[in-house]
Amino acid sequence: MNRALRAGIRAEGTCVRIEQEPYNRSDARQHFFAFRTPDGRQIEFEDLASRSIRVGDPVTVAYDPADPDRTATVAGRGHWSPVLQYGVLVVGCGLAAAGFAAVLIFTVV
């Protein structure tokens, strides 16, 4: 997926449906997107998306042309790759922990 974002082909796609997980948990939604490859095939895939995405919203899709079914991901302005999202989360938590530790150390000393 990361390779598709860096060196893959970009295409215009749309959000085609949003499914609610069982038990109607508000935080458990699956977003499905679709796009067409240059040879005319329609590819549909599931990806992470913000709550602001609605059915019919346009998105930019990045994919590896050798295997679009397995590598398609939402990319572009306003959409971060899942790998980048988790990376930012880990870095943010690390910085918060370091800041808390620094405050604790200077308060005790």
N, C-alpha and C. Protein backbone atom coordinates (compact mmCIF):
# COMPACT_ATOMS: atom_id res chain seq x y z
N MET A 1 0.83 -1.18 0.00
CA MET A 1 0.00 0.00 0.00
C MET A 1 0.87 1.25 0.00
N ASN A 2 1.92 1.21 0.78
CA ASN A 2 2.82 2.36 0.84
C ASN A 2 3.47 2.63 -0.52
N ARG A 3 3.84 1.55 -1.22
CA ARG A 3 4.42 1.70 -2.56
C ARG A 3 3.43 2.31 -3.53
N ALA A 4 2.16 1.91 -3.41
CA ALA A 4 1.13 2.47 -4.29
C ALA A 4 0.99 3.97 -4.06
N LEU A 5 1.10 4.40 -2.81
CA LEU A 5 0.99 5.83 -2.52
C LEU A 5 2.17 6.61 -3.07
N ARG A 6 3.37 6.02 -2.99
CA ARG A 6 4.56 6.74 -3.43
C ARG A 6 4.74 6.72 -4.94
N ALA A 7 4.55 5.55 -5.57
CA ALA A 7 4.89 5.42 -6.98
C ALA A 7 3.74 4.90 -7.84
N GLY A 8 2.57 4.75 -7.26
CA GLY A 8 1.46 4.18 -8.00
C GLY A 8 0.77 5.18 -8.91
N ILE A 9 -0.17 4.67 -9.65
CA ILE A 9 -0.99 5.48 -10.55
C ILE A 9 -2.11 6.10 -9.73
N ARG A 10 -2.52 7.29 -10.09
CA ARG A 10 -3.63 7.97 -9.42
C ARG A 10 -4.84 7.94 -10.35
N ALA A 11 -6.01 7.81 -9.73
CA ALA A 11 -7.25 7.82 -10.48
C ALA A 11 -8.33 8.49 -9.63
N GLU A 12 -9.34 9.01 -10.28
CA GLU A 12 -10.47 9.59 -9.57
C GLU A 12 -11.43 8.46 -9.21
N GLY A 13 -11.90 8.48 -7.99
CA GLY A 13 -12.85 7.47 -7.53
C GLY A 13 -13.95 8.14 -6.74
N THR A 14 -14.88 7.34 -6.24
CA THR A 14 -15.97 7.85 -5.41
C THR A 14 -16.25 6.88 -4.27
N CYS A 15 -16.84 7.41 -3.22
CA CYS A 15 -17.32 6.56 -2.13
C CYS A 15 -18.64 5.97 -2.62
N VAL A 16 -18.72 4.64 -2.70
CA VAL A 16 -19.91 4.00 -3.25
C VAL A 16 -20.88 3.51 -2.19
N ARG A 17 -20.37 3.22 -0.98
CA ARG A 17 -21.28 2.84 0.10
C ARG A 17 -20.56 2.87 1.44
N ILE A 18 -21.36 3.00 2.47
CA ILE A 18 -20.85 2.98 3.84
C ILE A 18 -21.72 1.97 4.59
N GLU A 19 -21.07 0.99 5.19
CA GLU A 19 -21.80 -0.03 5.93
C GLU A 19 -21.56 0.13 7.42
N GLN A 20 -22.62 -0.02 8.18
CA GLN A 20 -22.53 0.03 9.63
C GLN A 20 -22.21 -1.36 10.14
N GLU A 21 -21.31 -1.45 11.08
CA GLU A 21 -20.98 -2.74 11.69
C GLU A 21 -22.17 -3.24 12.50
N PRO A 22 -22.20 -4.53 12.80
CA PRO A 22 -23.29 -5.06 13.65
C PRO A 22 -23.37 -4.31 14.98
N TYR A 23 -24.53 -4.28 15.53
CA TYR A 23 -24.81 -3.63 16.82
C TYR A 23 -24.80 -2.11 16.71
N ASN A 24 -24.74 -1.58 15.50
CA ASN A 24 -24.84 -0.14 15.25
C ASN A 24 -23.88 0.70 16.11
N ARG A 25 -22.67 0.22 16.28
CA ARG A 25 -21.65 1.01 16.98
C ARG A 25 -21.31 2.22 16.11
N SER A 26 -21.34 3.39 16.68
CA SER A 26 -21.12 4.61 15.90
C SER A 26 -19.69 4.70 15.36
N ASP A 27 -18.75 4.01 16.00
CA ASP A 27 -17.35 4.11 15.56
C ASP A 27 -16.96 2.99 14.61
N ALA A 28 -17.90 2.18 14.20
CA ALA A 28 -17.57 1.02 13.39
C ALA A 28 -18.25 1.11 12.03
N ARG A 29 -17.65 1.90 11.16
CA ARG A 29 -18.19 2.05 9.80
C ARG A 29 -17.15 1.58 8.80
N GLN A 30 -17.62 0.93 7.76
CA GLN A 30 -16.75 0.49 6.68
C GLN A 30 -17.08 1.34 5.46
N HIS A 31 -16.04 1.97 4.90
CA HIS A 31 -16.21 2.80 3.71
C HIS A 31 -15.71 2.03 2.49
N PHE A 32 -16.51 2.02 1.44
CA PHE A 32 -16.15 1.34 0.20
C PHE A 32 -16.06 2.37 -0.92
N PHE A 33 -15.00 2.24 -1.71
CA PHE A 33 -14.72 3.17 -2.79
C PHE A 33 -14.60 2.40 -4.09
N ALA A 34 -14.80 3.09 -5.22
CA ALA A 34 -14.67 2.47 -6.53
C ALA A 34 -13.99 3.44 -7.49
N PHE A 35 -13.27 2.86 -8.45
CA PHE A 35 -12.61 3.64 -9.50
C PHE A 35 -12.46 2.76 -10.72
N ARG A 36 -12.13 3.38 -11.85
CA ARG A 36 -11.91 2.64 -13.10
C ARG A 36 -10.44 2.70 -13.47
N THR A 37 -9.92 1.56 -13.90
CA THR A 37 -8.54 1.52 -14.40
C THR A 37 -8.55 2.01 -15.84
N PRO A 38 -7.39 2.34 -16.40
CA PRO A 38 -7.34 2.82 -17.79
C PRO A 38 -7.94 1.83 -18.80
N ASP A 39 -7.91 0.52 -18.47
CA ASP A 39 -8.49 -0.46 -19.40
C ASP A 39 -9.99 -0.65 -19.19
N GLY A 40 -10.60 0.15 -18.29
CA GLY A 40 -12.05 0.13 -18.13
C GLY A 40 -12.59 -0.74 -17.01
N ARG A 41 -11.72 -1.48 -16.32
CA ARG A 41 -12.20 -2.32 -15.21
C ARG A 41 -12.61 -1.45 -14.03
N GLN A 42 -13.73 -1.79 -13.41
CA GLN A 42 -14.12 -1.08 -12.19
C GLN A 42 -13.61 -1.88 -11.00
N ILE A 43 -12.89 -1.19 -10.12
CA ILE A 43 -12.33 -1.80 -8.93
C ILE A 43 -13.04 -1.21 -7.72
N GLU A 44 -13.47 -2.06 -6.80
CA GLU A 44 -14.07 -1.60 -5.56
C GLU A 44 -13.23 -2.12 -4.40
N PHE A 45 -13.01 -1.26 -3.41
CA PHE A 45 -12.19 -1.64 -2.27
C PHE A 45 -12.65 -0.93 -1.01
N GLU A 46 -12.26 -1.48 0.13
CA GLU A 46 -12.56 -0.88 1.42
C GLU A 46 -11.30 -0.16 1.92
N ASP A 47 -11.50 0.99 2.55
CA ASP A 47 -10.37 1.73 3.09
C ASP A 47 -10.83 2.57 4.27
N LEU A 48 -9.88 3.07 5.03
CA LEU A 48 -10.19 3.97 6.13
C LEU A 48 -10.64 5.31 5.57
N ALA A 49 -11.56 5.95 6.28
CA ALA A 49 -12.02 7.26 5.84
C ALA A 49 -12.53 8.03 7.04
N SER A 50 -12.52 9.33 6.93
CA SER A 50 -13.03 10.16 8.02
C SER A 50 -14.55 10.12 8.01
N ARG A 51 -15.10 10.57 9.12
CA ARG A 51 -16.56 10.58 9.25
C ARG A 51 -17.21 11.56 8.27
N SER A 52 -16.44 12.50 7.75
CA SER A 52 -17.01 13.50 6.85
C SER A 52 -17.25 12.95 5.44
N ILE A 53 -16.68 11.81 5.11
CA ILE A 53 -16.89 11.20 3.78
C ILE A 53 -18.31 10.65 3.69
N ARG A 54 -18.98 10.99 2.64
CA ARG A 54 -20.36 10.52 2.38
C ARG A 54 -20.39 9.76 1.06
N VAL A 55 -21.44 8.99 0.86
CA VAL A 55 -21.62 8.27 -0.40
C VAL A 55 -21.71 9.29 -1.53
N GLY A 56 -20.94 9.04 -2.59
CA GLY A 56 -20.90 9.93 -3.74
C GLY A 56 -19.77 10.94 -3.71
N ASP A 57 -19.11 11.09 -2.57
CA ASP A 57 -17.99 12.03 -2.49
C ASP A 57 -16.83 11.57 -3.36
N PRO A 58 -16.21 12.50 -4.09
CA PRO A 58 -15.06 12.13 -4.92
C PRO A 58 -13.80 11.97 -4.06
N VAL A 59 -12.94 11.05 -4.44
CA VAL A 59 -11.66 10.82 -3.77
C VAL A 59 -10.60 10.55 -4.83
N THR A 60 -9.35 10.73 -4.44
CA THR A 60 -8.24 10.34 -5.29
C THR A 60 -7.76 8.98 -4.81
N VAL A 61 -7.59 8.06 -5.74
CA VAL A 61 -7.16 6.70 -5.43
C VAL A 61 -5.75 6.49 -5.98
N ALA A 62 -4.90 5.86 -5.18
CA ALA A 62 -3.56 5.47 -5.64
C ALA A 62 -3.53 3.95 -5.67
N TYR A 63 -2.90 3.38 -6.72
CA TYR A 63 -2.82 1.92 -6.82
C TYR A 63 -1.64 1.51 -7.67
N ASP A 64 -1.21 0.28 -7.46
CA ASP A 64 -0.15 -0.31 -8.27
C ASP A 64 -0.83 -0.94 -9.49
N PRO A 65 -0.47 -0.52 -10.70
CA PRO A 65 -1.15 -1.03 -11.89
C PRO A 65 -0.98 -2.54 -12.09
N ALA A 66 0.05 -3.13 -11.48
CA ALA A 66 0.24 -4.57 -11.60
C ALA A 66 -0.79 -5.35 -10.79
N ASP A 67 -1.37 -4.74 -9.75
CA ASP A 67 -2.35 -5.43 -8.91
C ASP A 67 -3.29 -4.42 -8.25
N PRO A 68 -4.15 -3.78 -9.04
CA PRO A 68 -5.02 -2.74 -8.48
C PRO A 68 -6.02 -3.26 -7.45
N ASP A 69 -6.45 -4.52 -7.58
CA ASP A 69 -7.42 -5.07 -6.64
C ASP A 69 -6.89 -5.12 -5.20
N ARG A 70 -5.61 -5.39 -5.05
CA ARG A 70 -5.03 -5.56 -3.72
C ARG A 70 -4.30 -4.33 -3.20
N THR A 71 -4.01 -3.36 -4.04
CA THR A 71 -3.19 -2.23 -3.61
C THR A 71 -3.91 -0.89 -3.58
N ALA A 72 -5.15 -0.83 -4.00
CA ALA A 72 -5.87 0.45 -4.06
C ALA A 72 -6.05 1.03 -2.66
N THR A 73 -5.82 2.33 -2.56
CA THR A 73 -6.01 3.05 -1.30
C THR A 73 -6.39 4.49 -1.60
N VAL A 74 -7.13 5.09 -0.69
CA VAL A 74 -7.50 6.50 -0.85
C VAL A 74 -6.26 7.33 -0.58
N ALA A 75 -6.01 8.29 -1.44
CA ALA A 75 -4.83 9.16 -1.30
C ALA A 75 -5.24 10.58 -1.64
N GLY A 76 -4.30 11.49 -1.55
CA GLY A 76 -4.57 12.85 -1.96
C GLY A 76 -4.84 13.77 -0.80
N ARG A 77 -5.15 15.00 -1.14
CA ARG A 77 -5.36 16.03 -0.14
C ARG A 77 -6.51 15.65 0.78
N GLY A 78 -6.27 15.75 2.08
CA GLY A 78 -7.30 15.45 3.06
C GLY A 78 -7.38 13.99 3.43
N HIS A 79 -6.59 13.15 2.80
CA HIS A 79 -6.63 11.72 3.09
C HIS A 79 -5.22 11.22 3.30
N TRP A 80 -4.94 10.73 4.47
CA TRP A 80 -3.63 10.17 4.76
C TRP A 80 -3.71 8.67 4.63
N SER A 81 -2.61 8.06 4.25
CA SER A 81 -2.59 6.61 4.16
C SER A 81 -2.70 6.02 5.56
N PRO A 82 -3.24 4.81 5.70
CA PRO A 82 -3.33 4.18 7.01
C PRO A 82 -1.97 4.05 7.68
N VAL A 83 -0.92 3.77 6.92
CA VAL A 83 0.42 3.64 7.49
C VAL A 83 0.84 4.97 8.10
N LEU A 84 0.61 6.05 7.39
CA LEU A 84 0.99 7.37 7.88
C LEU A 84 0.14 7.76 9.09
N GLN A 85 -1.13 7.42 9.09
CA GLN A 85 -2.00 7.73 10.23
C GLN A 85 -1.47 7.09 11.51
N TYR A 86 -1.13 5.80 11.43
CA TYR A 86 -0.61 5.11 12.61
C TYR A 86 0.76 5.62 13.00
N GLY A 87 1.57 5.98 12.02
CA GLY A 87 2.88 6.55 12.32
C GLY A 87 2.77 7.85 13.08
N VAL A 88 1.87 8.72 12.65
CA VAL A 88 1.65 10.00 13.33
C VAL A 88 1.12 9.75 14.75
N LEU A 89 0.25 8.77 14.90
CA LEU A 89 -0.26 8.43 16.22
C LEU A 89 0.85 7.97 17.15
N VAL A 90 1.73 7.11 16.67
CA VAL A 90 2.84 6.60 17.49
C VAL A 90 3.79 7.73 17.86
N VAL A 91 4.15 8.58 16.89
CA VAL A 91 5.05 9.69 17.17
C VAL A 91 4.40 10.66 18.16
N GLY A 92 3.13 10.95 17.99
CA GLY A 92 2.43 11.84 18.91
C GLY A 92 2.40 11.30 20.33
N CYS A 93 2.12 10.02 20.47
CA CYS A 93 2.10 9.40 21.80
C CYS A 93 3.50 9.42 22.42
N GLY A 94 4.52 9.17 21.61
CA GLY A 94 5.90 9.20 22.10
C GLY A 94 6.28 10.59 22.58
N LEU A 95 5.92 11.62 21.81
CA LEU A 95 6.22 12.99 22.22
C LEU A 95 5.47 13.38 23.49
N ALA A 96 4.23 12.95 23.60
CA ALA A 96 3.46 13.24 24.81
C ALA A 96 4.09 12.56 26.02
N ALA A 97 4.50 11.30 25.85
CA ALA A 97 5.14 10.58 26.96
C ALA A 97 6.46 11.24 27.35
N ALA A 98 7.25 11.68 26.36
CA ALA A 98 8.52 12.36 26.65
C ALA A 98 8.26 13.68 27.38
N GLY A 99 7.28 14.43 26.96
CA GLY A 99 6.94 15.68 27.63
C GLY A 99 6.48 15.46 29.07
N PHE A 100 5.65 14.45 29.27
CA PHE A 100 5.19 14.11 30.62
C PHE A 100 6.37 13.71 31.49
N ALA A 101 7.27 12.89 30.95
CA ALA A 101 8.45 12.46 31.71
C ALA A 101 9.34 13.66 32.06
N ALA A 102 9.53 14.59 31.14
CA ALA A 102 10.35 15.77 31.41
C ALA A 102 9.74 16.62 32.51
N VAL A 103 8.44 16.83 32.48
CA VAL A 103 7.76 17.59 33.52
C VAL A 103 7.91 16.88 34.86
N LEU A 104 7.72 15.59 34.87
CA LEU A 104 7.82 14.80 36.10
C LEU A 104 9.24 14.87 36.67
N ILE A 105 10.23 14.74 35.82
CA ILE A 105 11.63 14.76 36.28
C ILE A 105 11.98 16.14 36.86
N PHE A 106 11.61 17.22 36.17
CA PHE A 106 11.94 18.57 36.64
C PHE A 106 11.12 18.95 37.88
N THR A 107 9.95 18.37 38.05
CA THR A 107 9.14 18.65 39.23
C THR A 107 9.71 17.95 40.45
N VAL A 108 10.20 16.73 40.29
CA VAL A 108 10.76 15.94 41.39
C VAL A 108 12.13 16.46 41.79
N VAL A 109 12.94 16.88 40.83
CA VAL A 109 14.30 17.32 41.10
C VAL A 109 14.31 18.66 41.66
